[in-house]
């Protein structure tokens, strides 16, 4: 194990009851998620996700979607303060975008890497301070789970069975134990949970 500065590696993702992070329509199918993402519990959960984090890790597709949406929210005085807080954090944070196709970063405070996420995280853990947040990018979360490099999981569980789509927890992951650090249930039955890895 590489020596490191004590930076925690955290990740957030929303899942259906059957463990899917998108619906049967593919990577952009979030129909089952729509009723819940702006609930009070979801917005409070979003604030918990970025507090303490100084670096955001994103896959290219998420980065393009996020950076096309959130900078305007950061400037919107009428936006929910929790949305605006997250937006300002995302714009100002160090961002590492994983891509095999982008040659350069189209956003400020961003570097593009074409390297295994496990190697990049090991490097980030050895320098700097603050948490490293893998921001809603399952393509990055999965290899980090497989390498047992995640220290905290922020999950939103929505009371929908998608019946298809991609799952976060694939067979073959190393066995691990997690401690419930926070739990909150919303009026629509959505549940925000935070789990810390027990080592």
N, C-alpha and C. Protein backbone atom coordinates (compact mmCIF):
# COMPACT_ATOMS: atom_id res chain seq x y z
N UNK A 1 0.84 -1.19 0.00
CA UNK A 1 0.00 0.00 0.00
C UNK A 1 0.88 1.24 0.00
N UNK A 2 0.56 2.17 -0.89
CA UNK A 2 1.32 3.40 -0.99
C UNK A 2 1.08 4.27 0.23
N UNK A 3 2.14 4.89 0.74
CA UNK A 3 1.93 5.83 1.83
C UNK A 3 1.22 7.05 1.26
N UNK A 4 0.39 7.67 2.06
CA UNK A 4 -0.37 8.80 1.56
C UNK A 4 -0.60 9.82 2.65
N UNK A 5 -1.23 10.93 2.27
CA UNK A 5 -1.40 12.07 3.16
C UNK A 5 -2.61 11.91 4.07
N UNK A 6 -3.35 10.83 3.92
CA UNK A 6 -4.57 10.68 4.71
C UNK A 6 -5.80 11.21 3.99
N UNK A 7 -5.65 11.59 2.72
CA UNK A 7 -6.82 12.04 1.95
C UNK A 7 -7.80 10.88 1.80
N UNK A 8 -9.07 11.14 2.06
CA UNK A 8 -10.10 10.12 1.86
C UNK A 8 -10.57 10.15 0.41
N UNK A 9 -10.89 8.97 -0.10
CA UNK A 9 -11.47 8.85 -1.43
C UNK A 9 -12.95 8.55 -1.24
N UNK A 10 -13.79 9.47 -1.69
CA UNK A 10 -15.23 9.34 -1.51
C UNK A 10 -15.89 9.25 -2.88
N UNK A 11 -17.10 8.72 -2.90
CA UNK A 11 -17.83 8.61 -4.16
C UNK A 11 -19.32 8.80 -3.90
N UNK A 12 -20.00 9.34 -4.89
CA UNK A 12 -21.46 9.45 -4.77
C UNK A 12 -22.12 8.92 -6.04
N UNK A 13 -23.28 8.30 -5.83
CA UNK A 13 -24.05 7.77 -6.95
C UNK A 13 -25.49 7.57 -6.50
N UNK A 14 -26.41 7.71 -7.43
CA UNK A 14 -27.83 7.42 -7.16
C UNK A 14 -28.17 6.07 -7.78
N UNK A 15 -28.96 5.29 -7.03
CA UNK A 15 -29.30 3.94 -7.45
C UNK A 15 -30.78 3.68 -7.28
N UNK A 16 -31.33 2.82 -8.14
CA UNK A 16 -32.69 2.33 -7.96
C UNK A 16 -32.65 1.18 -6.94
N UNK A 17 -33.81 0.72 -6.56
CA UNK A 17 -33.89 -0.40 -5.61
C UNK A 17 -33.18 -1.65 -6.14
N UNK A 18 -33.19 -1.81 -7.46
CA UNK A 18 -32.50 -2.99 -8.02
C UNK A 18 -31.05 -2.67 -8.39
N UNK A 19 -30.52 -1.61 -7.81
CA UNK A 19 -29.08 -1.34 -7.88
C UNK A 19 -28.58 -0.73 -9.18
N UNK A 20 -29.48 -0.14 -9.97
CA UNK A 20 -29.08 0.41 -11.27
C UNK A 20 -28.78 1.91 -11.15
N UNK A 21 -27.76 2.36 -11.89
CA UNK A 21 -27.48 3.79 -11.92
C UNK A 21 -27.95 4.44 -13.21
N UNK A 22 -28.58 3.67 -14.08
CA UNK A 22 -29.36 4.21 -15.18
C UNK A 22 -30.42 3.18 -15.54
N UNK A 23 -31.36 3.59 -16.39
CA UNK A 23 -32.45 2.69 -16.74
C UNK A 23 -32.14 1.85 -17.96
N UNK A 24 -33.11 1.05 -18.40
CA UNK A 24 -32.89 0.13 -19.52
C UNK A 24 -32.63 0.84 -20.84
N UNK A 25 -32.91 2.13 -20.90
CA UNK A 25 -32.68 2.89 -22.13
C UNK A 25 -31.23 3.28 -22.36
N UNK A 26 -30.37 2.95 -21.41
CA UNK A 26 -28.95 3.24 -21.60
C UNK A 26 -28.42 4.32 -20.67
N UNK A 27 -27.19 4.78 -20.93
CA UNK A 27 -26.49 5.69 -20.02
C UNK A 27 -27.21 7.01 -19.73
N UNK A 28 -28.12 7.42 -20.63
CA UNK A 28 -28.81 8.70 -20.43
C UNK A 28 -30.25 8.50 -19.94
N UNK A 29 -30.60 7.28 -19.56
CA UNK A 29 -31.96 6.98 -19.10
C UNK A 29 -32.05 7.17 -17.58
N UNK A 30 -32.51 8.37 -17.19
CA UNK A 30 -32.66 8.67 -15.76
C UNK A 30 -34.11 8.94 -15.39
N UNK A 31 -35.03 8.37 -16.18
CA UNK A 31 -36.45 8.60 -15.94
C UNK A 31 -36.89 8.22 -14.53
N UNK A 32 -36.37 7.10 -14.01
CA UNK A 32 -36.75 6.64 -12.68
C UNK A 32 -36.20 7.56 -11.58
N UNK A 33 -35.20 8.38 -11.91
CA UNK A 33 -34.54 9.22 -10.92
C UNK A 33 -35.19 10.60 -10.79
N UNK A 34 -35.82 11.04 -11.89
CA UNK A 34 -36.28 12.43 -12.00
C UNK A 34 -37.14 12.92 -10.84
N UNK A 35 -38.10 12.12 -10.32
CA UNK A 35 -38.96 12.66 -9.26
C UNK A 35 -38.22 12.97 -7.96
N UNK A 36 -37.02 12.46 -7.80
CA UNK A 36 -36.36 12.49 -6.48
C UNK A 36 -35.16 13.42 -6.39
N UNK A 37 -34.56 13.79 -7.52
CA UNK A 37 -33.25 14.46 -7.45
C UNK A 37 -33.32 15.88 -6.89
N UNK A 38 -34.50 16.49 -6.87
CA UNK A 38 -34.60 17.84 -6.30
C UNK A 38 -35.34 17.83 -4.97
N UNK A 39 -35.49 16.67 -4.36
CA UNK A 39 -36.15 16.61 -3.04
C UNK A 39 -35.25 17.24 -1.98
N UNK A 40 -35.85 17.57 -0.84
CA UNK A 40 -35.08 18.17 0.26
C UNK A 40 -33.93 17.24 0.69
N UNK A 41 -34.25 15.96 0.81
CA UNK A 41 -33.24 14.99 1.26
C UNK A 41 -32.11 14.90 0.22
N UNK A 42 -32.46 14.88 -1.05
CA UNK A 42 -31.43 14.78 -2.11
C UNK A 42 -30.55 16.03 -2.12
N UNK A 43 -31.16 17.20 -1.93
CA UNK A 43 -30.36 18.44 -1.94
C UNK A 43 -29.45 18.51 -0.72
N UNK A 44 -29.96 18.10 0.44
CA UNK A 44 -29.11 18.08 1.64
C UNK A 44 -27.96 17.08 1.47
N UNK A 45 -28.28 15.96 0.85
CA UNK A 45 -27.28 14.91 0.58
C UNK A 45 -26.18 15.46 -0.33
N UNK A 46 -26.57 16.22 -1.34
CA UNK A 46 -25.60 16.78 -2.27
C UNK A 46 -24.62 17.70 -1.54
N UNK A 47 -25.11 18.43 -0.54
CA UNK A 47 -24.23 19.31 0.22
C UNK A 47 -23.21 18.48 1.01
N UNK A 48 -23.66 17.39 1.61
CA UNK A 48 -22.73 16.52 2.37
C UNK A 48 -21.62 15.96 1.49
N UNK A 49 -21.97 15.68 0.23
CA UNK A 49 -21.04 15.03 -0.69
C UNK A 49 -19.77 15.86 -0.90
N UNK A 50 -19.93 17.16 -1.10
CA UNK A 50 -18.77 17.97 -1.49
C UNK A 50 -18.09 18.66 -0.31
N UNK A 51 -18.73 18.74 0.82
CA UNK A 51 -18.08 19.36 1.98
C UNK A 51 -16.83 18.56 2.33
N UNK A 52 -15.72 19.22 2.40
CA UNK A 52 -14.46 18.54 2.73
C UNK A 52 -13.69 18.06 1.52
N UNK A 53 -14.32 18.06 0.35
CA UNK A 53 -13.63 17.60 -0.86
C UNK A 53 -12.96 18.78 -1.57
N UNK A 54 -11.77 18.55 -2.07
CA UNK A 54 -11.04 19.58 -2.81
C UNK A 54 -10.78 19.18 -4.25
N UNK A 55 -10.96 17.91 -4.56
CA UNK A 55 -10.71 17.40 -5.91
C UNK A 55 -11.92 16.61 -6.38
N UNK A 56 -12.35 16.87 -7.61
CA UNK A 56 -13.47 16.11 -8.20
C UNK A 56 -12.93 15.27 -9.34
N UNK A 57 -13.25 13.98 -9.32
CA UNK A 57 -12.91 13.07 -10.42
C UNK A 57 -14.17 12.80 -11.22
N UNK A 58 -14.09 12.94 -12.54
CA UNK A 58 -15.25 12.80 -13.41
C UNK A 58 -14.87 12.03 -14.67
N UNK A 59 -15.79 11.20 -15.12
CA UNK A 59 -15.67 10.66 -16.47
C UNK A 59 -16.02 11.75 -17.47
N UNK A 60 -15.60 11.59 -18.71
CA UNK A 60 -15.82 12.64 -19.71
C UNK A 60 -17.29 12.97 -19.91
N UNK A 61 -18.14 11.96 -20.01
CA UNK A 61 -19.56 12.21 -20.28
C UNK A 61 -20.17 13.03 -19.15
N UNK A 62 -19.89 12.64 -17.91
CA UNK A 62 -20.40 13.41 -16.78
C UNK A 62 -19.82 14.81 -16.76
N UNK A 63 -18.54 14.92 -17.04
CA UNK A 63 -17.90 16.24 -17.03
C UNK A 63 -18.58 17.17 -18.03
N UNK A 64 -18.84 16.66 -19.23
CA UNK A 64 -19.47 17.50 -20.24
C UNK A 64 -20.87 17.93 -19.80
N UNK A 65 -21.62 16.99 -19.22
CA UNK A 65 -22.96 17.33 -18.74
C UNK A 65 -22.92 18.30 -17.57
N UNK A 66 -22.07 18.03 -16.61
CA UNK A 66 -21.98 18.85 -15.41
C UNK A 66 -21.51 20.26 -15.74
N UNK A 67 -20.44 20.35 -16.55
CA UNK A 67 -19.87 21.67 -16.83
C UNK A 67 -20.72 22.46 -17.81
N UNK A 68 -21.65 21.77 -18.48
CA UNK A 68 -22.61 22.48 -19.31
C UNK A 68 -23.78 23.02 -18.51
N UNK A 69 -23.96 22.52 -17.29
CA UNK A 69 -25.13 22.88 -16.49
C UNK A 69 -24.79 23.72 -15.26
N UNK A 70 -23.83 23.26 -14.45
CA UNK A 70 -23.63 23.83 -13.12
C UNK A 70 -23.02 25.23 -13.09
N UNK A 71 -22.13 25.64 -14.00
CA UNK A 71 -21.60 27.00 -13.91
C UNK A 71 -22.69 28.08 -13.94
N UNK A 72 -23.74 27.87 -14.72
CA UNK A 72 -24.84 28.85 -14.75
C UNK A 72 -25.57 28.88 -13.41
N UNK A 73 -25.71 27.72 -12.76
CA UNK A 73 -26.36 27.66 -11.45
C UNK A 73 -25.54 28.43 -10.41
N UNK A 74 -24.22 28.34 -10.53
CA UNK A 74 -23.33 29.05 -9.59
C UNK A 74 -23.56 30.56 -9.63
N UNK A 75 -23.99 31.07 -10.79
CA UNK A 75 -24.22 32.51 -10.96
C UNK A 75 -25.67 32.92 -10.76
N UNK A 76 -26.55 31.95 -10.52
CA UNK A 76 -27.99 32.20 -10.46
C UNK A 76 -28.41 32.53 -9.02
N UNK A 77 -28.70 33.80 -8.76
CA UNK A 77 -29.11 34.22 -7.41
C UNK A 77 -30.42 33.57 -6.98
N UNK A 78 -31.22 33.14 -7.94
CA UNK A 78 -32.52 32.54 -7.62
C UNK A 78 -32.47 31.04 -7.39
N UNK A 79 -31.29 30.42 -7.58
CA UNK A 79 -31.16 28.97 -7.42
C UNK A 79 -31.24 28.59 -5.95
N UNK A 80 -31.65 27.36 -5.68
CA UNK A 80 -31.63 26.85 -4.31
C UNK A 80 -30.20 27.00 -3.78
N UNK A 81 -30.04 27.52 -2.55
CA UNK A 81 -28.68 27.75 -2.02
C UNK A 81 -27.82 26.49 -1.99
N UNK A 82 -28.45 25.32 -1.81
CA UNK A 82 -27.68 24.07 -1.80
C UNK A 82 -27.18 23.74 -3.20
N UNK A 83 -28.02 23.97 -4.21
CA UNK A 83 -27.59 23.76 -5.60
C UNK A 83 -26.46 24.73 -5.94
N UNK A 84 -26.63 25.98 -5.50
CA UNK A 84 -25.63 27.01 -5.81
C UNK A 84 -24.31 26.70 -5.10
N UNK A 85 -24.40 26.21 -3.87
CA UNK A 85 -23.19 25.85 -3.13
C UNK A 85 -22.40 24.77 -3.83
N UNK A 86 -23.13 23.73 -4.27
CA UNK A 86 -22.46 22.65 -5.01
C UNK A 86 -21.86 23.17 -6.31
N UNK A 87 -22.63 23.99 -7.03
CA UNK A 87 -22.18 24.52 -8.32
C UNK A 87 -20.90 25.34 -8.15
N UNK A 88 -20.87 26.20 -7.14
CA UNK A 88 -19.67 27.02 -6.90
C UNK A 88 -18.48 26.14 -6.53
N UNK A 89 -18.75 25.12 -5.72
CA UNK A 89 -17.66 24.19 -5.37
C UNK A 89 -17.11 23.52 -6.62
N UNK A 90 -18.01 23.00 -7.47
CA UNK A 90 -17.57 22.27 -8.66
C UNK A 90 -16.75 23.16 -9.59
N UNK A 91 -17.20 24.38 -9.78
CA UNK A 91 -16.48 25.31 -10.67
C UNK A 91 -15.09 25.60 -10.09
N UNK A 92 -14.99 25.77 -8.77
CA UNK A 92 -13.74 26.17 -8.15
C UNK A 92 -12.79 25.04 -7.80
N UNK A 93 -13.32 23.81 -7.73
CA UNK A 93 -12.50 22.68 -7.29
C UNK A 93 -11.51 22.26 -8.38
N UNK A 94 -10.45 21.58 -7.95
CA UNK A 94 -9.56 20.91 -8.90
C UNK A 94 -10.36 19.75 -9.51
N UNK A 95 -10.38 19.68 -10.84
CA UNK A 95 -11.13 18.63 -11.52
C UNK A 95 -10.18 17.77 -12.34
N UNK A 96 -10.35 16.46 -12.24
CA UNK A 96 -9.59 15.52 -13.06
C UNK A 96 -10.61 14.77 -13.89
N UNK A 97 -10.52 14.92 -15.21
CA UNK A 97 -11.47 14.30 -16.12
C UNK A 97 -10.76 13.15 -16.86
N UNK A 98 -11.36 11.99 -16.80
CA UNK A 98 -10.81 10.80 -17.45
C UNK A 98 -11.40 10.67 -18.84
N UNK A 99 -10.53 10.67 -19.84
CA UNK A 99 -11.01 10.61 -21.21
C UNK A 99 -9.93 10.05 -22.13
N UNK A 100 -10.37 9.28 -23.11
CA UNK A 100 -9.45 8.81 -24.15
C UNK A 100 -9.59 9.67 -25.41
N UNK A 101 -10.56 10.61 -25.41
CA UNK A 101 -10.83 11.38 -26.62
C UNK A 101 -10.54 12.87 -26.48
N UNK A 102 -10.66 13.44 -25.29
CA UNK A 102 -10.38 14.87 -25.12
C UNK A 102 -8.87 15.10 -25.15
N UNK A 103 -8.45 16.09 -25.94
CA UNK A 103 -7.03 16.42 -25.99
C UNK A 103 -6.67 17.44 -24.92
N UNK A 104 -7.59 18.35 -24.65
CA UNK A 104 -7.35 19.35 -23.61
C UNK A 104 -8.65 19.66 -22.90
N UNK A 105 -8.54 20.22 -21.72
CA UNK A 105 -9.72 20.48 -20.90
C UNK A 105 -10.41 21.77 -21.34
N UNK A 106 -11.70 21.70 -21.62
CA UNK A 106 -12.42 22.92 -21.99
C UNK A 106 -12.92 23.72 -20.78
N UNK A 107 -12.50 23.33 -19.58
CA UNK A 107 -12.97 24.00 -18.37
C UNK A 107 -11.79 24.44 -17.51
N UNK A 108 -12.04 25.47 -16.71
CA UNK A 108 -10.99 25.96 -15.80
C UNK A 108 -10.70 24.94 -14.70
N UNK A 109 -9.47 25.01 -14.19
CA UNK A 109 -9.04 24.18 -13.05
C UNK A 109 -9.26 22.69 -13.32
N UNK A 110 -9.04 22.28 -14.57
CA UNK A 110 -9.30 20.90 -14.99
C UNK A 110 -8.09 20.35 -15.73
N UNK A 111 -7.75 19.10 -15.44
CA UNK A 111 -6.77 18.42 -16.27
C UNK A 111 -7.40 17.12 -16.77
N UNK A 112 -7.07 16.78 -17.99
CA UNK A 112 -7.57 15.57 -18.63
C UNK A 112 -6.50 14.50 -18.52
N UNK A 113 -6.91 13.31 -18.10
CA UNK A 113 -5.96 12.20 -18.01
C UNK A 113 -6.50 11.00 -18.79
N UNK A 114 -5.59 10.27 -19.37
CA UNK A 114 -5.91 9.01 -20.03
C UNK A 114 -5.04 7.96 -19.34
N UNK A 115 -5.48 7.54 -18.17
CA UNK A 115 -4.71 6.62 -17.33
C UNK A 115 -5.69 5.89 -16.42
N UNK A 116 -5.28 4.74 -15.87
CA UNK A 116 -6.17 4.02 -14.96
C UNK A 116 -6.49 4.86 -13.72
N UNK A 117 -7.76 4.89 -13.34
CA UNK A 117 -8.18 5.70 -12.20
C UNK A 117 -7.47 5.27 -10.92
N UNK A 118 -7.18 3.98 -10.77
CA UNK A 118 -6.50 3.48 -9.57
C UNK A 118 -5.12 4.14 -9.44
N UNK A 119 -4.41 4.29 -10.54
CA UNK A 119 -3.08 4.92 -10.52
C UNK A 119 -3.19 6.41 -10.21
N UNK A 120 -4.16 7.06 -10.83
CA UNK A 120 -4.33 8.51 -10.62
C UNK A 120 -4.70 8.79 -9.16
N UNK A 121 -5.59 7.98 -8.60
CA UNK A 121 -6.00 8.18 -7.20
C UNK A 121 -4.81 7.96 -6.26
N UNK A 122 -4.00 6.96 -6.55
CA UNK A 122 -2.81 6.72 -5.72
C UNK A 122 -1.91 7.95 -5.72
N UNK A 123 -1.76 8.57 -6.88
CA UNK A 123 -0.95 9.78 -6.97
C UNK A 123 -1.56 10.95 -6.22
N UNK A 124 -2.87 11.11 -6.34
CA UNK A 124 -3.55 12.20 -5.64
C UNK A 124 -3.49 12.02 -4.12
N UNK A 125 -3.60 10.76 -3.68
CA UNK A 125 -3.55 10.50 -2.23
C UNK A 125 -2.18 10.83 -1.64
N UNK A 126 -1.16 10.80 -2.48
CA UNK A 126 0.21 11.04 -2.00
C UNK A 126 0.53 12.53 -1.88
N UNK A 127 -0.33 13.38 -2.42
CA UNK A 127 -0.08 14.82 -2.38
C UNK A 127 -1.36 15.56 -2.03
N UNK A 128 -1.22 16.80 -1.63
CA UNK A 128 -2.37 17.65 -1.41
C UNK A 128 -3.15 17.31 -0.16
N UNK A 129 -4.30 17.94 -0.04
CA UNK A 129 -5.17 17.70 1.13
C UNK A 129 -6.62 17.84 0.72
N UNK A 130 -7.50 17.40 1.60
CA UNK A 130 -8.93 17.40 1.30
C UNK A 130 -9.34 16.09 0.66
N UNK A 131 -10.64 15.81 0.72
CA UNK A 131 -11.14 14.57 0.15
C UNK A 131 -11.08 14.61 -1.37
N UNK A 132 -11.00 13.41 -1.96
CA UNK A 132 -11.04 13.22 -3.41
C UNK A 132 -12.42 12.63 -3.70
N UNK A 133 -13.28 13.39 -4.39
CA UNK A 133 -14.65 12.95 -4.65
C UNK A 133 -14.79 12.42 -6.07
N UNK A 134 -15.17 11.15 -6.17
CA UNK A 134 -15.50 10.58 -7.48
C UNK A 134 -16.97 10.91 -7.71
N UNK A 135 -17.20 11.87 -8.60
CA UNK A 135 -18.48 12.57 -8.67
C UNK A 135 -19.45 11.92 -9.66
N UNK A 136 -20.25 10.99 -9.16
CA UNK A 136 -21.33 10.36 -9.94
C UNK A 136 -20.85 9.64 -11.19
N UNK A 137 -19.61 9.18 -11.20
CA UNK A 137 -19.06 8.52 -12.38
C UNK A 137 -18.81 7.04 -12.09
N UNK A 138 -19.79 6.21 -12.44
CA UNK A 138 -19.71 4.78 -12.14
C UNK A 138 -18.51 4.13 -12.82
N UNK A 139 -18.12 4.64 -13.99
CA UNK A 139 -16.98 4.04 -14.71
C UNK A 139 -15.68 4.20 -13.90
N UNK A 140 -15.63 5.16 -13.00
CA UNK A 140 -14.47 5.36 -12.12
C UNK A 140 -14.69 4.66 -10.77
N UNK A 141 -15.92 4.68 -10.29
CA UNK A 141 -16.22 4.07 -8.98
C UNK A 141 -15.97 2.57 -9.03
N UNK A 142 -16.36 1.92 -10.11
CA UNK A 142 -16.24 0.46 -10.20
C UNK A 142 -14.81 -0.04 -10.03
N UNK A 143 -13.81 0.50 -10.77
CA UNK A 143 -12.45 0.02 -10.56
C UNK A 143 -11.90 0.36 -9.18
N UNK A 144 -12.36 1.46 -8.59
CA UNK A 144 -11.91 1.82 -7.24
C UNK A 144 -12.49 0.86 -6.20
N UNK A 145 -13.74 0.43 -6.41
CA UNK A 145 -14.33 -0.61 -5.54
C UNK A 145 -13.55 -1.91 -5.70
N UNK A 146 -13.22 -2.24 -6.93
CA UNK A 146 -12.50 -3.50 -7.20
C UNK A 146 -11.12 -3.49 -6.54
N UNK A 147 -10.51 -2.29 -6.44
CA UNK A 147 -9.18 -2.17 -5.83
C UNK A 147 -9.27 -1.84 -4.34
N UNK A 148 -10.49 -1.77 -3.80
CA UNK A 148 -10.73 -1.43 -2.39
C UNK A 148 -10.06 -0.11 -2.01
N UNK A 149 -10.24 0.90 -2.86
CA UNK A 149 -9.65 2.21 -2.61
C UNK A 149 -10.66 3.27 -2.17
N UNK A 150 -11.94 2.90 -2.07
CA UNK A 150 -12.93 3.87 -1.63
C UNK A 150 -13.06 3.85 -0.10
N UNK A 151 -13.08 5.03 0.49
CA UNK A 151 -13.20 5.16 1.93
C UNK A 151 -14.62 5.51 2.37
N UNK A 152 -15.37 6.14 1.48
CA UNK A 152 -16.73 6.57 1.85
C UNK A 152 -17.62 6.50 0.61
N UNK A 153 -18.84 6.01 0.79
CA UNK A 153 -19.85 5.94 -0.28
C UNK A 153 -21.05 6.77 0.12
N UNK A 154 -21.39 7.74 -0.71
CA UNK A 154 -22.63 8.52 -0.55
C UNK A 154 -23.62 7.96 -1.57
N UNK A 155 -24.68 7.36 -1.11
CA UNK A 155 -25.66 6.77 -2.03
C UNK A 155 -27.04 7.36 -1.80
N UNK A 156 -27.73 7.67 -2.90
CA UNK A 156 -29.16 7.97 -2.86
C UNK A 156 -29.86 6.74 -3.41
N UNK A 157 -30.79 6.20 -2.64
CA UNK A 157 -31.56 5.03 -3.09
C UNK A 157 -32.98 5.49 -3.39
N UNK A 158 -33.41 5.28 -4.62
CA UNK A 158 -34.74 5.72 -5.04
C UNK A 158 -35.68 4.52 -5.10
N UNK A 159 -36.92 4.67 -4.62
CA UNK A 159 -37.85 3.54 -4.53
C UNK A 159 -38.48 3.18 -5.88
N UNK A 160 -37.63 2.83 -6.81
CA UNK A 160 -38.04 2.43 -8.16
C UNK A 160 -37.26 1.18 -8.55
N UNK A 161 -37.92 0.26 -9.23
CA UNK A 161 -37.22 -0.87 -9.83
C UNK A 161 -37.13 -0.57 -11.32
N UNK A 162 -35.91 -0.40 -11.80
CA UNK A 162 -35.71 -0.02 -13.20
C UNK A 162 -35.92 -1.20 -14.13
N UNK A 163 -35.55 -2.40 -13.67
CA UNK A 163 -35.75 -3.59 -14.48
C UNK A 163 -34.72 -3.79 -15.57
N UNK A 164 -33.77 -2.88 -15.65
CA UNK A 164 -32.70 -2.96 -16.64
C UNK A 164 -31.78 -1.79 -16.44
N UNK A 165 -30.66 -1.80 -17.14
CA UNK A 165 -29.68 -0.75 -16.96
C UNK A 165 -28.44 -1.29 -16.28
N UNK A 166 -27.49 -0.41 -16.02
CA UNK A 166 -26.21 -0.84 -15.48
C UNK A 166 -26.23 -0.84 -13.95
N UNK A 167 -25.58 -1.87 -13.38
CA UNK A 167 -25.49 -2.01 -11.92
C UNK A 167 -24.16 -1.51 -11.42
N UNK A 168 -24.15 -0.97 -10.21
CA UNK A 168 -22.90 -0.51 -9.61
C UNK A 168 -22.09 -1.68 -9.08
N UNK A 169 -22.75 -2.56 -8.33
CA UNK A 169 -22.02 -3.63 -7.64
C UNK A 169 -22.03 -4.90 -8.47
N UNK A 170 -20.98 -5.06 -9.25
CA UNK A 170 -20.85 -6.25 -10.09
C UNK A 170 -20.32 -7.43 -9.27
N UNK A 171 -20.58 -8.63 -9.74
CA UNK A 171 -20.00 -9.82 -9.12
C UNK A 171 -18.48 -9.74 -9.22
N UNK A 172 -17.82 -10.35 -8.23
CA UNK A 172 -16.36 -10.43 -8.26
C UNK A 172 -15.65 -9.35 -7.47
N UNK A 173 -16.40 -8.44 -6.84
CA UNK A 173 -15.75 -7.42 -6.01
C UNK A 173 -15.15 -8.08 -4.77
N UNK A 174 -14.07 -7.52 -4.21
CA UNK A 174 -13.55 -8.06 -2.96
C UNK A 174 -14.55 -7.82 -1.83
N UNK A 175 -14.65 -8.76 -0.93
CA UNK A 175 -15.56 -8.60 0.21
C UNK A 175 -15.09 -7.43 1.06
N UNK A 176 -16.04 -6.66 1.59
CA UNK A 176 -15.69 -5.52 2.43
C UNK A 176 -16.83 -5.23 3.39
N UNK A 177 -16.50 -4.53 4.47
CA UNK A 177 -17.48 -4.16 5.48
C UNK A 177 -17.56 -2.65 5.57
N UNK A 178 -18.78 -2.14 5.72
CA UNK A 178 -19.02 -0.70 5.73
C UNK A 178 -19.84 -0.33 6.96
N UNK A 179 -19.57 0.85 7.51
CA UNK A 179 -20.31 1.34 8.67
C UNK A 179 -21.23 2.47 8.23
N UNK A 180 -22.49 2.42 8.68
CA UNK A 180 -23.44 3.47 8.34
C UNK A 180 -23.11 4.74 9.13
N UNK A 181 -22.77 5.81 8.42
CA UNK A 181 -22.39 7.07 9.06
C UNK A 181 -23.53 8.07 9.06
N UNK A 182 -24.47 7.92 8.12
CA UNK A 182 -25.61 8.85 8.05
C UNK A 182 -26.74 8.18 7.28
N UNK A 183 -27.96 8.50 7.70
CA UNK A 183 -29.13 7.97 6.99
C UNK A 183 -30.26 8.97 7.13
N UNK A 184 -30.96 9.21 6.03
CA UNK A 184 -32.08 10.14 6.04
C UNK A 184 -33.09 9.68 4.99
N UNK A 185 -34.36 9.73 5.34
CA UNK A 185 -35.42 9.28 4.43
C UNK A 185 -36.30 10.46 4.05
N UNK A 186 -36.62 10.56 2.76
CA UNK A 186 -37.45 11.65 2.28
C UNK A 186 -38.92 11.27 2.18
N UNK A 187 -39.74 12.26 1.89
CA UNK A 187 -41.19 12.08 1.84
C UNK A 187 -41.62 11.14 0.71
N UNK A 188 -40.82 11.04 -0.33
CA UNK A 188 -41.17 10.17 -1.46
C UNK A 188 -40.62 8.75 -1.29
N UNK A 189 -39.96 8.50 -0.14
CA UNK A 189 -39.38 7.18 0.09
C UNK A 189 -37.93 7.06 -0.35
N UNK A 190 -37.36 8.17 -0.81
CA UNK A 190 -35.94 8.16 -1.19
C UNK A 190 -35.10 8.14 0.08
N UNK A 191 -33.97 7.45 0.03
CA UNK A 191 -33.11 7.32 1.21
C UNK A 191 -31.71 7.79 0.85
N UNK A 192 -31.17 8.69 1.66
CA UNK A 192 -29.78 9.13 1.54
C UNK A 192 -28.98 8.38 2.58
N UNK A 193 -27.92 7.69 2.17
CA UNK A 193 -27.06 6.97 3.12
C UNK A 193 -25.60 7.31 2.84
N UNK A 194 -24.84 7.32 3.93
CA UNK A 194 -23.39 7.49 3.82
C UNK A 194 -22.76 6.32 4.54
N UNK A 195 -21.91 5.59 3.83
CA UNK A 195 -21.21 4.43 4.41
C UNK A 195 -19.71 4.68 4.41
N UNK A 196 -19.07 4.39 5.52
CA UNK A 196 -17.61 4.47 5.63
C UNK A 196 -17.02 3.06 5.63
N UNK A 197 -15.95 2.91 4.88
CA UNK A 197 -15.26 1.61 4.81
C UNK A 197 -14.60 1.30 6.14
N UNK A 198 -14.86 0.10 6.67
CA UNK A 198 -14.24 -0.35 7.89
C UNK A 198 -12.96 -1.09 7.51
N UNK A 199 -11.82 -0.59 8.00
CA UNK A 199 -10.52 -1.20 7.64
C UNK A 199 -9.84 -1.73 8.88
